[in-house]
């Protein structure tokens, strides 16, 4: 299974994407904790991560900007809530909003488990204000995870720096 969004078992305000990477768990986890690695894949296709502050520890803050020609700069940030090496990362996520309409905080839980020499990564985000809001995030996150998968699998093969 390369990508899936299993909506049957989820509430309307949840998003779940599960991926299997041809890479060891320790490597997949490492690209989440390293600013240099994360800047290479954070954001949907056609976006570049132009800024990333990453204090990867419980209560540590993160802040990033992804940019594209079509959509300009998009700022986001949050706080790491839980980190369990090679198993789980829990962090808050919110797009920067405006003073009149601040971005809504969501909670993202990323889990990692080994399966036959590969890594199964589950990406879970909640809550969303509506089904439409949740569904609007599906393609963006999938494109981001496509980039993550391409990058980590190249690293595992020694093809990426």
Protein backbone atom coordinates (compact mmCIF):
# COMPACT_ATOMS: atom_id res chain seq x y z
CA UNK A 1 0.00 0.00 0.00
CA UNK A 2 1.57 3.26 -1.09
CA UNK A 3 -1.02 5.74 0.05
CA UNK A 4 -4.43 5.55 1.56
CA UNK A 5 -6.94 7.67 3.29
CA UNK A 6 -9.25 5.42 5.25
CA UNK A 7 -12.32 7.47 5.94
CA UNK A 8 -14.55 4.54 6.94
CA UNK A 9 -13.17 4.32 10.47
CA UNK A 10 -12.63 8.03 11.03
CA UNK A 11 -14.79 10.82 12.33
CA UNK A 12 -15.61 13.60 9.90
CA UNK A 13 -13.02 15.85 11.55
CA UNK A 14 -10.08 13.44 11.13
CA UNK A 15 -7.58 12.75 8.37
CA UNK A 16 -5.44 9.62 8.20
CA UNK A 17 -2.82 8.84 5.59
CA UNK A 18 -0.75 5.68 5.85
CA UNK A 19 2.38 5.03 3.80
CA UNK A 20 4.90 2.22 3.55
CA UNK A 21 8.46 3.36 2.88
CA UNK A 22 11.28 1.19 1.61
CA UNK A 23 13.55 2.55 4.32
CA UNK A 24 14.35 1.69 7.96
CA UNK A 25 12.32 3.29 10.74
CA UNK A 26 15.35 5.11 12.16
CA UNK A 27 15.95 6.87 8.83
CA UNK A 28 12.29 7.82 8.32
CA UNK A 29 12.17 9.21 11.86
CA UNK A 30 15.43 11.11 11.33
CA UNK A 31 14.08 13.12 8.41
CA UNK A 32 11.37 14.47 10.72
CA UNK A 33 13.80 15.59 13.43
CA UNK A 34 16.40 17.22 11.19
CA UNK A 35 15.83 20.71 9.81
CA UNK A 36 18.14 20.07 6.85
CA UNK A 37 16.29 16.91 5.88
CA UNK A 38 12.81 18.29 6.50
CA UNK A 39 13.40 21.36 4.34
CA UNK A 40 13.89 19.03 1.36
CA UNK A 41 10.40 17.54 1.47
CA UNK A 42 8.11 19.79 3.51
CA UNK A 43 5.29 21.08 1.34
CA UNK A 44 3.18 19.89 -1.58
CA UNK A 45 4.66 19.54 -5.08
CA UNK A 46 5.59 22.86 -6.68
CA UNK A 47 6.31 24.33 -3.22
CA UNK A 48 9.68 25.04 -1.67
CA UNK A 49 10.30 25.21 2.05
CA UNK A 50 11.99 28.60 2.37
CA UNK A 51 12.16 28.84 6.16
CA UNK A 52 12.14 26.31 8.98
CA UNK A 53 12.83 26.81 12.67
CA UNK A 54 12.71 23.44 14.38
CA UNK A 55 13.18 22.93 18.12
CA UNK A 56 12.64 19.17 18.07
CA UNK A 57 11.87 18.34 21.70
CA UNK A 58 8.71 18.18 23.81
CA UNK A 59 7.44 21.76 24.25
CA UNK A 60 9.76 22.87 21.43
CA UNK A 61 8.29 25.17 18.81
CA UNK A 62 8.47 24.92 15.06
CA UNK A 63 7.71 27.48 12.37
CA UNK A 64 7.94 27.12 8.61
CA UNK A 65 7.19 28.85 5.34
CA UNK A 66 6.43 27.06 2.11
CA UNK A 67 6.19 29.04 -1.11
CA UNK A 68 5.14 28.57 -4.70
CA UNK A 69 4.82 30.85 -7.71
CA UNK A 70 1.07 30.30 -7.80
CA UNK A 71 0.26 30.61 -4.08
CA UNK A 72 3.06 32.78 -2.69
CA UNK A 73 4.26 32.34 0.88
CA UNK A 74 2.31 30.21 3.36
CA UNK A 75 3.43 30.31 7.00
CA UNK A 76 2.62 27.67 9.61
CA UNK A 77 3.79 26.60 13.04
CA UNK A 78 3.12 24.78 16.24
CA UNK A 79 4.61 22.96 19.20
CA UNK A 80 5.92 19.45 19.74
CA UNK A 81 3.79 17.72 22.37
CA UNK A 82 5.31 14.22 22.50
CA UNK A 83 8.34 12.62 20.91
CA UNK A 84 9.16 8.93 21.24
CA UNK A 85 12.24 8.13 19.16
CA UNK A 86 11.50 5.92 16.13
CA UNK A 87 7.88 5.46 17.25
CA UNK A 88 5.81 8.62 17.52
CA UNK A 89 5.75 12.39 17.07
CA UNK A 90 2.79 14.47 18.26
CA UNK A 91 2.69 18.16 17.41
CA UNK A 92 0.29 21.00 16.94
CA UNK A 93 -0.19 22.59 13.53
CA UNK A 94 -1.82 25.84 12.45
CA UNK A 95 -1.61 27.98 9.36
CA UNK A 96 -0.90 31.60 10.08
CA UNK A 97 -4.14 33.46 9.81
CA UNK A 98 -5.03 37.07 10.10
CA UNK A 99 -5.66 38.94 13.36
CA UNK A 100 -9.38 38.74 12.57
CA UNK A 101 -9.25 35.06 11.65
CA UNK A 102 -6.34 33.20 13.23
CA UNK A 103 -5.44 29.75 11.94
CA UNK A 104 -7.13 26.81 13.64
CA UNK A 105 -4.91 24.59 15.80
CA UNK A 106 -4.94 20.94 14.86
CA UNK A 107 -3.04 18.02 16.35
CA UNK A 108 -0.88 15.80 14.15
CA UNK A 109 0.28 12.38 15.29
CA UNK A 110 2.85 10.58 13.17
CA UNK A 111 3.62 6.98 14.09
CA UNK A 112 6.30 4.70 12.72
CA UNK A 113 6.52 0.92 12.81
CA UNK A 114 8.74 -1.63 11.16
CA UNK A 115 7.11 -4.15 8.80
CA UNK A 116 9.28 -6.59 6.91
CA UNK A 117 12.28 -4.29 6.66
CA UNK A 118 10.12 -1.35 5.62
CA UNK A 119 8.53 1.47 7.60
CA UNK A 120 4.81 1.99 7.93
CA UNK A 121 4.13 5.63 8.73
CA UNK A 122 0.69 6.79 9.81
CA UNK A 123 -0.14 10.49 9.60
CA UNK A 124 -3.22 11.53 11.58
CA UNK A 125 -4.56 15.09 11.86
CA UNK A 126 -7.57 16.37 13.79
CA UNK A 127 -9.84 18.30 14.29
CA UNK A 128 -11.09 19.96 11.13
CA UNK A 129 -13.98 22.43 11.13
CA UNK A 130 -15.79 20.56 8.38
CA UNK A 131 -15.54 17.64 5.99
CA UNK A 132 -14.75 20.15 3.23
CA UNK A 133 -11.86 21.56 5.24
CA UNK A 134 -10.51 18.06 5.92
CA UNK A 135 -10.86 17.05 2.29
CA UNK A 136 -9.06 20.20 1.16
CA UNK A 137 -5.98 18.96 3.04
CA UNK A 138 -5.90 15.46 1.55
CA UNK A 139 -4.12 16.27 -1.71
CA UNK A 140 -1.66 18.73 -0.12
CA UNK A 141 -0.59 16.28 2.57
CA UNK A 142 -0.41 13.42 0.06
CA UNK A 143 1.84 15.50 -2.19
CA UNK A 144 4.00 16.37 0.81
CA UNK A 145 4.23 12.71 1.81
CA UNK A 146 5.03 11.80 -1.82
CA UNK A 147 8.03 14.12 -1.54
CA UNK A 148 8.95 12.64 1.85
CA UNK A 149 8.76 9.11 0.43
CA UNK A 150 10.85 9.97 -2.63
CA UNK A 151 13.46 11.69 -0.48
CA UNK A 152 13.77 9.04 2.25
CA UNK A 153 13.88 6.17 -0.23
CA UNK A 154 16.67 7.92 -2.15
CA UNK A 155 18.52 8.42 1.13
CA UNK A 156 18.09 4.73 1.96
CA UNK A 157 19.61 3.81 -1.41
CA UNK A 158 22.44 6.34 -0.99
CA UNK A 159 21.13 8.45 -3.88
CA UNK A 160 20.44 11.66 -1.93
CA UNK A 161 22.85 13.79 0.03
